[in-house]
N, C-alpha and C. Protein backbone atom coordinates (compact mmCIF):
# COMPACT_ATOMS: atom_id res chain seq x y z
N MET A 1 -255.33 -32.96 13.77
CA MET A 1 -256.57 -32.43 14.27
C MET A 1 -257.34 -33.58 14.91
N THR A 2 -257.82 -33.34 16.08
CA THR A 2 -258.57 -34.36 16.79
C THR A 2 -259.97 -33.84 17.08
N VAL A 3 -260.97 -34.64 16.79
CA VAL A 3 -262.36 -34.29 17.04
C VAL A 3 -262.89 -35.24 18.09
N LEU A 4 -263.57 -34.70 19.09
CA LEU A 4 -264.13 -35.54 20.13
C LEU A 4 -265.56 -35.93 19.78
N LEU A 5 -265.80 -37.22 19.74
CA LEU A 5 -267.14 -37.75 19.48
C LEU A 5 -267.49 -38.73 20.58
N GLU A 6 -268.47 -38.39 21.39
CA GLU A 6 -268.95 -39.26 22.46
C GLU A 6 -267.81 -39.83 23.29
N ASP A 7 -267.05 -39.00 23.86
CA ASP A 7 -265.96 -39.39 24.75
C ASP A 7 -264.84 -40.16 24.07
N SER A 8 -264.78 -40.16 22.72
CA SER A 8 -263.66 -40.82 22.06
C SER A 8 -263.02 -39.84 21.10
N ALA A 9 -261.75 -40.02 20.89
CA ALA A 9 -261.01 -39.14 20.00
C ALA A 9 -261.01 -39.75 18.60
N PHE A 10 -261.27 -38.91 17.61
CA PHE A 10 -261.30 -39.36 16.21
C PHE A 10 -260.26 -38.55 15.46
N GLU A 11 -259.27 -39.20 14.89
CA GLU A 11 -258.19 -38.53 14.19
C GLU A 11 -258.59 -38.25 12.74
N VAL A 12 -258.73 -36.97 12.37
CA VAL A 12 -259.04 -36.59 11.00
C VAL A 12 -257.78 -36.63 10.14
N ASP A 13 -256.64 -36.43 10.74
CA ASP A 13 -255.39 -36.43 10.00
C ASP A 13 -254.84 -37.83 9.75
N ASP A 14 -255.63 -38.83 10.03
CA ASP A 14 -255.21 -40.21 9.81
C ASP A 14 -255.05 -40.44 8.32
N PRO A 15 -253.83 -40.75 7.81
CA PRO A 15 -253.61 -40.92 6.38
C PRO A 15 -254.44 -42.04 5.76
N SER A 16 -254.81 -43.02 6.55
CA SER A 16 -255.59 -44.13 5.98
C SER A 16 -256.99 -43.69 5.56
N LEU A 17 -257.47 -42.55 6.06
CA LEU A 17 -258.80 -42.05 5.67
C LEU A 17 -258.83 -41.59 4.21
N TRP A 18 -257.68 -41.25 3.67
CA TRP A 18 -257.63 -40.69 2.32
C TRP A 18 -257.25 -41.73 1.28
N GLN A 19 -257.08 -42.97 1.68
CA GLN A 19 -256.75 -44.03 0.73
C GLN A 19 -258.03 -44.57 0.11
N ASP A 20 -257.94 -44.93 -1.15
CA ASP A 20 -259.10 -45.49 -1.84
C ASP A 20 -259.46 -46.83 -1.23
N GLN A 21 -260.73 -47.05 -1.12
CA GLN A 21 -261.23 -48.32 -0.62
C GLN A 21 -261.48 -49.26 -1.78
N ASP A 22 -261.39 -50.52 -1.55
CA ASP A 22 -261.70 -51.52 -2.57
C ASP A 22 -263.21 -51.76 -2.54
N ASP A 23 -263.92 -51.09 -3.46
CA ASP A 23 -265.37 -51.17 -3.49
C ASP A 23 -265.87 -52.08 -4.60
N THR A 24 -265.12 -53.11 -4.92
CA THR A 24 -265.56 -54.01 -5.97
C THR A 24 -266.77 -54.80 -5.49
N VAL A 25 -267.69 -55.03 -6.40
CA VAL A 25 -268.92 -55.73 -6.09
C VAL A 25 -268.96 -57.01 -6.90
N ASP A 26 -269.27 -58.09 -6.26
CA ASP A 26 -269.39 -59.36 -6.97
C ASP A 26 -270.77 -59.38 -7.62
N LEU A 27 -270.80 -59.19 -8.95
CA LEU A 27 -272.06 -59.10 -9.67
C LEU A 27 -272.83 -60.41 -9.67
N SER A 28 -272.14 -61.52 -9.53
CA SER A 28 -272.84 -62.80 -9.50
C SER A 28 -273.72 -62.90 -8.26
N LEU A 29 -273.28 -62.31 -7.15
CA LEU A 29 -274.11 -62.32 -5.94
C LEU A 29 -275.36 -61.47 -6.14
N LEU A 30 -275.20 -60.33 -6.81
CA LEU A 30 -276.36 -59.47 -7.06
C LEU A 30 -277.32 -60.12 -8.04
N SER A 31 -276.78 -60.79 -9.05
CA SER A 31 -277.63 -61.48 -10.03
C SER A 31 -278.40 -62.61 -9.36
N ALA A 32 -277.74 -63.30 -8.45
CA ALA A 32 -278.41 -64.38 -7.73
C ALA A 32 -279.52 -63.84 -6.84
N ALA A 33 -279.38 -62.60 -6.41
CA ALA A 33 -280.40 -61.98 -5.57
C ALA A 33 -281.55 -61.42 -6.40
N GLY A 34 -281.49 -61.58 -7.73
CA GLY A 34 -282.58 -61.12 -8.58
C GLY A 34 -282.41 -59.72 -9.14
N VAL A 35 -281.23 -59.15 -8.99
CA VAL A 35 -280.97 -57.81 -9.52
C VAL A 35 -280.51 -57.96 -10.97
N ASN A 36 -281.24 -57.34 -11.89
CA ASN A 36 -280.89 -57.41 -13.31
C ASN A 36 -280.10 -56.17 -13.71
N PHE A 37 -279.10 -56.37 -14.57
CA PHE A 37 -278.28 -55.28 -15.04
C PHE A 37 -278.50 -55.08 -16.52
N GLN A 38 -278.56 -53.83 -16.93
CA GLN A 38 -278.67 -53.51 -18.35
C GLN A 38 -277.63 -52.45 -18.65
N HIS A 39 -276.86 -52.67 -19.68
CA HIS A 39 -275.82 -51.70 -20.06
C HIS A 39 -276.46 -50.46 -20.65
N VAL A 40 -276.14 -49.30 -20.10
CA VAL A 40 -276.62 -48.03 -20.62
C VAL A 40 -275.40 -47.29 -21.15
N SER A 41 -275.37 -47.07 -22.46
CA SER A 41 -274.20 -46.44 -23.04
C SER A 41 -274.13 -44.96 -22.68
N CYS A 42 -272.97 -44.43 -22.79
CA CYS A 42 -272.72 -43.03 -22.48
C CYS A 42 -273.47 -42.14 -23.47
N PHE A 43 -274.09 -41.09 -22.98
CA PHE A 43 -274.86 -40.20 -23.84
C PHE A 43 -273.97 -39.54 -24.89
N ALA A 44 -272.79 -39.11 -24.51
CA ALA A 44 -271.90 -38.46 -25.47
C ALA A 44 -271.51 -39.41 -26.60
N HIS A 45 -271.27 -40.66 -26.26
CA HIS A 45 -270.92 -41.64 -27.29
C HIS A 45 -272.11 -41.90 -28.21
N SER A 46 -273.29 -42.02 -27.63
CA SER A 46 -274.50 -42.22 -28.45
C SER A 46 -274.73 -41.04 -29.39
N LEU A 47 -274.52 -39.82 -28.88
CA LEU A 47 -274.67 -38.63 -29.71
C LEU A 47 -273.65 -38.65 -30.84
N GLN A 48 -272.41 -39.04 -30.54
CA GLN A 48 -271.37 -39.13 -31.56
C GLN A 48 -271.77 -40.10 -32.66
N LEU A 49 -272.29 -41.26 -32.28
CA LEU A 49 -272.68 -42.26 -33.27
C LEU A 49 -273.82 -41.77 -34.15
N VAL A 50 -274.79 -41.10 -33.56
CA VAL A 50 -275.93 -40.58 -34.32
C VAL A 50 -275.48 -39.51 -35.31
N VAL A 51 -274.68 -38.57 -34.84
CA VAL A 51 -274.21 -37.49 -35.72
C VAL A 51 -273.32 -38.06 -36.81
N HIS A 52 -272.45 -39.00 -36.48
CA HIS A 52 -271.57 -39.61 -37.47
C HIS A 52 -272.38 -40.30 -38.56
N ASP A 53 -273.37 -41.08 -38.16
CA ASP A 53 -274.21 -41.77 -39.15
C ASP A 53 -275.02 -40.78 -39.98
N GLY A 54 -275.50 -39.72 -39.33
CA GLY A 54 -276.25 -38.70 -40.07
C GLY A 54 -275.40 -37.99 -41.10
N LEU A 55 -274.19 -37.61 -40.73
CA LEU A 55 -273.30 -36.94 -41.68
C LEU A 55 -272.88 -37.87 -42.80
N LYS A 56 -272.69 -39.15 -42.48
CA LYS A 56 -272.29 -40.11 -43.49
C LYS A 56 -273.41 -40.32 -44.52
N ASN A 57 -274.65 -40.30 -44.07
CA ASN A 57 -275.78 -40.54 -44.96
C ASN A 57 -276.28 -39.28 -45.65
N LEU A 58 -275.79 -38.13 -45.26
CA LEU A 58 -276.19 -36.87 -45.85
C LEU A 58 -275.31 -36.61 -47.07
N THR A 59 -275.76 -37.05 -48.24
CA THR A 59 -274.92 -37.02 -49.44
C THR A 59 -274.57 -35.60 -49.87
N VAL A 60 -275.43 -34.64 -49.60
CA VAL A 60 -275.16 -33.25 -50.00
C VAL A 60 -273.94 -32.71 -49.26
N ALA A 61 -273.82 -33.01 -48.00
CA ALA A 61 -272.72 -32.46 -47.19
C ALA A 61 -271.45 -33.29 -47.26
N ARG A 62 -271.54 -34.50 -47.75
CA ARG A 62 -270.37 -35.39 -47.74
C ARG A 62 -269.20 -34.80 -48.52
N SER A 63 -269.46 -34.27 -49.72
CA SER A 63 -268.36 -33.70 -50.52
C SER A 63 -267.84 -32.41 -49.89
N LEU A 64 -268.73 -31.63 -49.28
CA LEU A 64 -268.30 -30.40 -48.60
C LEU A 64 -267.37 -30.72 -47.44
N ILE A 65 -267.76 -31.69 -46.62
CA ILE A 65 -266.94 -32.07 -45.47
C ILE A 65 -265.60 -32.65 -45.93
N ALA A 66 -265.62 -33.42 -47.01
CA ALA A 66 -264.38 -33.99 -47.54
C ALA A 66 -263.43 -32.90 -48.02
N LYS A 67 -263.96 -31.88 -48.69
CA LYS A 67 -263.12 -30.78 -49.17
C LYS A 67 -262.56 -29.98 -48.00
N CYS A 68 -263.36 -29.76 -46.98
CA CYS A 68 -262.88 -29.03 -45.80
C CYS A 68 -261.79 -29.82 -45.08
N SER A 69 -261.96 -31.13 -44.97
CA SER A 69 -260.94 -31.97 -44.34
C SER A 69 -259.65 -31.96 -45.16
N LYS A 70 -259.80 -31.97 -46.48
CA LYS A 70 -258.62 -31.93 -47.35
C LYS A 70 -257.86 -30.62 -47.18
N LEU A 71 -258.60 -29.51 -47.05
CA LEU A 71 -257.95 -28.22 -46.83
C LEU A 71 -257.21 -28.21 -45.49
N ALA A 72 -257.85 -28.72 -44.44
CA ALA A 72 -257.20 -28.76 -43.12
C ALA A 72 -255.95 -29.64 -43.16
N ASN A 73 -256.05 -30.79 -43.81
CA ASN A 73 -254.89 -31.67 -43.92
C ASN A 73 -253.76 -31.01 -44.70
N LEU A 74 -254.11 -30.29 -45.75
CA LEU A 74 -253.11 -29.59 -46.55
C LEU A 74 -252.39 -28.53 -45.72
N ILE A 75 -253.13 -27.81 -44.91
CA ILE A 75 -252.53 -26.78 -44.06
C ILE A 75 -251.58 -27.41 -43.04
N HIS A 76 -251.98 -28.55 -42.49
CA HIS A 76 -251.18 -29.18 -41.44
C HIS A 76 -250.02 -30.03 -41.97
N GLN A 77 -250.10 -30.46 -43.22
CA GLN A 77 -249.07 -31.37 -43.73
C GLN A 77 -248.09 -30.73 -44.70
N SER A 78 -248.45 -29.62 -45.31
CA SER A 78 -247.56 -29.00 -46.29
C SER A 78 -247.05 -27.67 -45.74
N ALA A 79 -245.76 -27.62 -45.52
CA ALA A 79 -245.15 -26.38 -45.00
C ALA A 79 -245.22 -25.26 -46.02
N LEU A 80 -245.09 -25.60 -47.31
CA LEU A 80 -245.17 -24.57 -48.35
C LEU A 80 -246.58 -23.98 -48.43
N PHE A 81 -247.58 -24.84 -48.41
CA PHE A 81 -248.95 -24.33 -48.47
C PHE A 81 -249.29 -23.55 -47.20
N ARG A 82 -248.85 -24.04 -46.06
CA ARG A 82 -249.15 -23.34 -44.80
C ARG A 82 -248.55 -21.94 -44.79
N SER A 83 -247.35 -21.82 -45.32
CA SER A 83 -246.71 -20.51 -45.39
C SER A 83 -247.51 -19.57 -46.29
N ALA A 84 -247.93 -20.05 -47.46
CA ALA A 84 -248.73 -19.23 -48.37
C ALA A 84 -250.08 -18.91 -47.75
N TYR A 85 -250.67 -19.87 -47.06
CA TYR A 85 -251.97 -19.69 -46.41
C TYR A 85 -251.88 -18.61 -45.32
N GLU A 86 -250.84 -18.69 -44.48
CA GLU A 86 -250.67 -17.71 -43.41
C GLU A 86 -250.36 -16.33 -43.95
N SER A 87 -249.65 -16.25 -45.09
CA SER A 87 -249.37 -14.93 -45.69
C SER A 87 -250.65 -14.31 -46.20
N ALA A 88 -251.51 -15.12 -46.79
CA ALA A 88 -252.73 -14.59 -47.39
C ALA A 88 -253.84 -14.34 -46.36
N LEU A 89 -254.01 -15.25 -45.41
CA LEU A 89 -255.16 -15.16 -44.51
C LEU A 89 -254.81 -14.82 -43.07
N GLY A 90 -253.55 -14.86 -42.72
CA GLY A 90 -253.15 -14.55 -41.35
C GLY A 90 -252.76 -15.81 -40.59
N SER A 91 -251.85 -15.65 -39.65
CA SER A 91 -251.33 -16.82 -38.94
C SER A 91 -252.29 -17.33 -37.88
N GLY A 92 -253.24 -16.55 -37.44
CA GLY A 92 -254.18 -16.98 -36.41
C GLY A 92 -255.41 -17.67 -36.95
N LYS A 93 -255.43 -17.97 -38.23
CA LYS A 93 -256.63 -18.54 -38.84
C LYS A 93 -256.40 -19.95 -39.36
N ILE A 94 -255.69 -20.75 -38.58
CA ILE A 94 -255.42 -22.13 -38.98
C ILE A 94 -256.70 -22.96 -38.79
N VAL A 95 -257.01 -23.77 -39.77
CA VAL A 95 -258.20 -24.62 -39.74
C VAL A 95 -257.87 -25.86 -38.91
N PRO A 96 -258.66 -26.15 -37.87
CA PRO A 96 -258.37 -27.33 -37.06
C PRO A 96 -258.69 -28.61 -37.81
N SER A 97 -257.96 -29.66 -37.50
CA SER A 97 -258.24 -30.97 -38.09
C SER A 97 -259.47 -31.56 -37.42
N SER A 98 -260.19 -32.35 -38.17
CA SER A 98 -261.34 -33.03 -37.57
C SER A 98 -260.90 -34.38 -37.04
N ASN A 99 -261.66 -34.87 -36.10
CA ASN A 99 -261.37 -36.14 -35.46
C ASN A 99 -262.57 -37.06 -35.69
N GLU A 100 -262.34 -38.24 -36.17
CA GLU A 100 -263.42 -39.17 -36.50
C GLU A 100 -264.31 -39.49 -35.31
N THR A 101 -263.75 -39.47 -34.12
CA THR A 101 -264.53 -39.85 -32.95
C THR A 101 -265.16 -38.69 -32.21
N ARG A 102 -264.99 -37.48 -32.72
CA ARG A 102 -265.61 -36.32 -32.07
C ARG A 102 -266.31 -35.47 -33.13
N TRP A 103 -267.63 -35.54 -33.14
CA TRP A 103 -268.40 -34.83 -34.16
C TRP A 103 -268.22 -33.33 -34.05
N ASN A 104 -268.01 -32.80 -32.86
CA ASN A 104 -267.88 -31.34 -32.72
C ASN A 104 -266.58 -30.83 -33.34
N SER A 105 -265.60 -31.71 -33.58
CA SER A 105 -264.39 -31.26 -34.26
C SER A 105 -264.70 -30.94 -35.72
N THR A 106 -265.60 -31.68 -36.34
CA THR A 106 -266.04 -31.37 -37.71
C THR A 106 -266.80 -30.05 -37.72
N LEU A 107 -267.64 -29.84 -36.72
CA LEU A 107 -268.38 -28.59 -36.61
C LEU A 107 -267.43 -27.40 -36.47
N ARG A 108 -266.42 -27.54 -35.61
CA ARG A 108 -265.43 -26.44 -35.45
C ARG A 108 -264.69 -26.18 -36.75
N GLN A 109 -264.35 -27.25 -37.46
CA GLN A 109 -263.64 -27.10 -38.73
C GLN A 109 -264.50 -26.36 -39.74
N LEU A 110 -265.77 -26.73 -39.87
CA LEU A 110 -266.66 -26.07 -40.82
C LEU A 110 -266.88 -24.61 -40.45
N ARG A 111 -267.04 -24.33 -39.17
CA ARG A 111 -267.22 -22.93 -38.74
C ARG A 111 -265.99 -22.09 -39.06
N CYS A 112 -264.82 -22.66 -38.84
CA CYS A 112 -263.58 -21.94 -39.11
C CYS A 112 -263.46 -21.61 -40.59
N ILE A 113 -263.75 -22.58 -41.44
CA ILE A 113 -263.65 -22.35 -42.88
C ILE A 113 -264.72 -21.37 -43.35
N ALA A 114 -265.90 -21.43 -42.77
CA ALA A 114 -266.97 -20.49 -43.14
C ALA A 114 -266.61 -19.06 -42.77
N ASN A 115 -265.79 -18.88 -41.72
CA ASN A 115 -265.40 -17.54 -41.28
C ASN A 115 -264.18 -16.99 -42.01
N LEU A 116 -263.58 -17.78 -42.89
CA LEU A 116 -262.43 -17.30 -43.66
C LEU A 116 -262.88 -16.34 -44.75
N ASP A 117 -261.95 -15.53 -45.23
CA ASP A 117 -262.21 -14.65 -46.36
C ASP A 117 -262.25 -15.52 -47.62
N GLN A 118 -263.45 -15.83 -48.10
CA GLN A 118 -263.63 -16.79 -49.19
C GLN A 118 -262.96 -16.36 -50.50
N PRO A 119 -263.06 -15.09 -50.94
CA PRO A 119 -262.36 -14.71 -52.18
C PRO A 119 -260.85 -14.90 -52.09
N THR A 120 -260.26 -14.59 -50.93
CA THR A 120 -258.82 -14.78 -50.76
C THR A 120 -258.46 -16.26 -50.79
N LEU A 121 -259.26 -17.09 -50.13
CA LEU A 121 -259.03 -18.53 -50.14
C LEU A 121 -259.19 -19.10 -51.55
N ASN A 122 -260.23 -18.64 -52.25
CA ASN A 122 -260.45 -19.12 -53.63
C ASN A 122 -259.33 -18.70 -54.58
N ALA A 123 -258.69 -17.57 -54.31
CA ALA A 123 -257.56 -17.16 -55.12
C ALA A 123 -256.29 -17.90 -54.73
N LEU A 124 -256.16 -18.22 -53.46
CA LEU A 124 -254.95 -18.88 -52.96
C LEU A 124 -254.82 -20.31 -53.50
N LEU A 125 -255.91 -21.05 -53.54
CA LEU A 125 -255.84 -22.46 -53.95
C LEU A 125 -255.29 -22.65 -55.36
N PRO A 126 -255.80 -21.94 -56.38
CA PRO A 126 -255.19 -22.13 -57.72
C PRO A 126 -253.77 -21.59 -57.81
N ASP A 127 -253.48 -20.52 -57.05
CA ASP A 127 -252.12 -19.96 -57.07
C ASP A 127 -251.09 -20.94 -56.53
N THR A 128 -251.52 -21.84 -55.65
CA THR A 128 -250.60 -22.84 -55.07
C THR A 128 -250.80 -24.21 -55.69
N ASN A 129 -251.46 -24.26 -56.85
CA ASN A 129 -251.73 -25.49 -57.60
C ASN A 129 -252.58 -26.51 -56.82
N HIS A 130 -253.57 -26.00 -56.13
CA HIS A 130 -254.50 -26.88 -55.40
C HIS A 130 -255.93 -26.55 -55.83
């Protein structure tokens, strides 16, 4: 495709137009010019750190979260327990594992366990020696 601009032809299909340019900036030159830089951390990472510290310091929820994580680990690591769990509660109700670096994974795990049939789960655990 050729576009005419002021009596000159400009090739849009030129493959070099789609190559990444080297846009590196020498920060020492900017600092010498009086430009100051301050590191601003990512909002998602800051939120993760705040929620992680809050959950760690919340002693009431600490044992609850630990028990929920233990249940999720048991489902994912023990084939015998997973089979009994799926027979009792259904195969589509697997509790997701939490991830230390993502606070919303703990939230998803807690929501999943809260939505389970609690009497069935409470009966299943002693029946499987847990």
